[in-house]
N, C-alpha and C. Protein backbone atom coordinates (compact mmCIF):
# COMPACT_ATOMS: atom_id res chain seq x y z
N MET A 1 93.37 89.39 137.91
CA MET A 1 94.75 89.14 137.49
C MET A 1 94.97 89.86 136.35
N PRO A 2 96.06 90.67 136.31
CA PRO A 2 96.46 91.44 135.17
C PRO A 2 97.08 90.61 134.12
N VAL A 3 96.89 90.99 132.78
CA VAL A 3 97.33 90.30 131.74
C VAL A 3 98.52 91.11 131.12
N GLU A 4 99.68 90.47 130.89
CA GLU A 4 100.81 91.16 130.29
C GLU A 4 101.01 90.71 128.94
N ILE A 5 101.24 91.58 128.01
CA ILE A 5 101.56 91.36 126.60
C ILE A 5 103.01 91.46 126.44
N LYS A 6 103.61 90.34 126.09
CA LYS A 6 105.03 90.19 125.92
C LYS A 6 105.47 90.70 124.69
N GLU A 7 104.54 90.28 123.60
CA GLU A 7 104.99 90.77 122.35
C GLU A 7 103.79 90.99 121.49
N LEU A 8 103.94 92.02 120.65
CA LEU A 8 102.81 92.58 119.80
C LEU A 8 103.31 92.59 118.53
N THR A 9 102.55 92.05 117.47
CA THR A 9 102.94 92.24 116.14
C THR A 9 101.94 92.96 115.34
N VAL A 10 102.38 94.07 114.75
CA VAL A 10 101.36 94.95 113.93
C VAL A 10 101.86 94.89 112.48
N ARG A 11 100.77 94.61 111.63
CA ARG A 11 101.11 94.47 110.05
C ARG A 11 100.09 95.62 109.56
N PHE A 12 100.62 96.18 108.50
CA PHE A 12 99.84 97.29 107.81
C PHE A 12 100.29 97.33 106.33
N ILE A 13 99.35 97.72 105.49
CA ILE A 13 99.54 97.75 104.17
C ILE A 13 99.26 99.22 103.52
N VAL A 14 100.07 99.73 102.84
CA VAL A 14 99.94 101.14 102.59
C VAL A 14 99.78 101.14 101.03
N ASN A 15 98.61 101.71 100.62
CA ASN A 15 98.52 101.78 99.06
C ASN A 15 98.51 103.28 98.75
N GLU A 16 99.32 103.58 97.83
CA GLU A 16 99.64 104.97 97.49
C GLU A 16 99.04 105.35 96.11
N LYS A 17 98.23 106.39 96.00
CA LYS A 17 97.67 106.71 94.68
C LYS A 17 98.68 107.54 94.00
N SER A 18 98.82 107.40 92.69
CA SER A 18 99.66 108.25 92.05
C SER A 18 99.06 109.51 91.57
N THR A 19 99.70 110.66 91.54
CA THR A 19 99.06 111.82 91.13
C THR A 19 99.98 112.54 89.93
N SER A 20 99.24 113.29 89.15
CA SER A 20 100.07 113.81 87.97
C SER A 20 100.54 115.11 88.37
N ASP A 21 100.32 115.64 89.45
CA ASP A 21 100.87 116.93 89.76
C ASP A 21 102.23 116.77 90.48
N SER A 22 103.32 117.34 89.76
CA SER A 22 104.67 117.13 90.37
C SER A 22 104.96 117.80 91.75
N SER A 23 104.29 118.80 91.98
CA SER A 23 104.50 119.49 93.34
C SER A 23 103.90 118.49 94.40
N MET A 24 102.86 117.97 94.26
CA MET A 24 102.18 116.98 95.02
C MET A 24 102.98 115.94 95.32
N GLN A 25 103.62 115.41 94.29
CA GLN A 25 104.71 114.38 94.34
C GLN A 25 105.83 114.71 95.27
N SER A 26 106.50 115.83 95.03
CA SER A 26 107.56 116.22 95.94
C SER A 26 107.23 116.38 97.30
N ASN A 27 105.87 116.96 97.67
CA ASN A 27 105.48 117.16 98.90
C ASN A 27 105.36 115.71 99.51
N SER A 28 104.72 114.92 98.79
CA SER A 28 104.56 113.63 99.42
C SER A 28 105.86 112.68 99.82
N LYS A 29 106.86 113.03 98.93
CA LYS A 29 108.15 112.43 99.19
C LYS A 29 108.69 112.90 100.40
N SER A 30 108.74 114.27 100.56
CA SER A 30 109.25 114.86 101.66
C SER A 30 108.42 114.37 103.14
N LEU A 31 107.25 114.38 103.02
CA LEU A 31 106.40 113.80 104.00
C LEU A 31 106.88 112.38 104.48
N LYS A 32 107.09 111.52 103.30
CA LYS A 32 107.46 110.25 103.53
C LYS A 32 108.63 110.12 104.37
N GLN A 33 109.67 110.94 104.13
CA GLN A 33 111.00 110.96 104.79
C GLN A 33 110.64 111.40 106.27
N GLU A 34 109.95 112.38 106.48
CA GLU A 34 109.63 112.98 107.93
C GLU A 34 109.00 111.87 108.69
N ASP A 35 108.08 111.11 107.87
CA ASP A 35 107.29 110.01 108.50
C ASP A 35 108.24 108.79 108.95
N LYS A 36 109.06 108.54 108.01
CA LYS A 36 110.00 107.49 108.24
C LYS A 36 110.91 107.84 109.53
N LYS A 37 111.39 108.91 109.48
CA LYS A 37 112.24 109.32 110.81
C LYS A 37 111.48 109.20 111.99
N MET A 38 110.33 109.72 112.01
CA MET A 38 109.33 109.75 113.23
C MET A 38 109.26 108.11 113.57
N ILE A 39 108.95 107.25 112.64
CA ILE A 39 108.70 105.89 112.85
C ILE A 39 110.04 105.23 113.41
N ILE A 40 111.14 105.44 112.79
CA ILE A 40 112.50 105.05 113.27
C ILE A 40 112.74 105.43 114.71
N GLU A 41 112.46 106.85 114.94
CA GLU A 41 112.73 107.25 116.32
C GLU A 41 111.87 106.69 117.32
N GLU A 42 110.66 106.43 117.08
CA GLU A 42 109.81 105.68 118.02
C GLU A 42 110.24 104.13 118.15
N CYS A 43 110.76 103.65 117.11
CA CYS A 43 111.27 102.14 117.22
C CYS A 43 112.29 102.07 118.09
N ILE A 44 113.17 103.08 117.97
CA ILE A 44 114.57 103.02 118.72
C ILE A 44 114.21 103.29 120.21
N GLU A 45 113.30 104.19 120.49
CA GLU A 45 112.91 104.43 121.88
C GLU A 45 112.26 103.21 122.52
N LYS A 46 111.43 102.44 121.77
CA LYS A 46 110.79 101.23 122.30
C LYS A 46 111.77 100.11 122.59
N VAL A 47 112.64 99.89 121.65
CA VAL A 47 113.79 98.98 121.75
C VAL A 47 114.56 99.29 122.93
N LEU A 48 115.07 100.59 123.09
CA LEU A 48 115.90 100.89 124.29
C LEU A 48 115.06 100.76 125.62
N GLU A 49 113.72 101.05 125.62
CA GLU A 49 112.96 100.74 126.81
C GLU A 49 112.93 99.15 127.10
N LEU A 50 112.71 98.47 126.05
CA LEU A 50 112.65 96.98 126.38
C LEU A 50 114.10 96.39 126.84
N LEU A 51 115.12 96.93 126.34
CA LEU A 51 116.53 96.71 126.70
C LEU A 51 116.70 97.01 128.19
N GLU A 52 116.28 98.04 128.55
CA GLU A 52 116.39 98.66 129.97
C GLU A 52 115.65 97.59 130.76
N ARG A 53 114.36 97.38 130.41
CA ARG A 53 113.57 96.51 131.34
C ARG A 53 114.23 95.00 131.49
N LYS A 54 114.81 94.63 130.33
CA LYS A 54 115.30 93.35 130.40
C LYS A 54 116.60 93.45 131.38
N ASN A 55 117.36 94.41 131.28
CA ASN A 55 118.49 94.45 132.13
C ASN A 55 118.28 94.75 133.62
N GLU A 56 116.98 95.28 133.93
CA GLU A 56 116.59 95.43 135.39
C GLU A 56 116.22 94.08 136.02
N ARG A 57 115.88 93.27 135.23
CA ARG A 57 115.46 91.82 135.83
C ARG A 57 116.44 90.97 136.37
């Protein structure tokens, strides 16, 4: 019998080390923005998929 997971909770903690190099800081900030955008896009896709599944039922 297959098992269906209806809800999944993920927690994570990010520790960021401070650097004295300003160029490294600016690069890390720009990467953070890109990462945030990617995460948001993935979340939106998942939510839309869940809504579609719910409407199909």
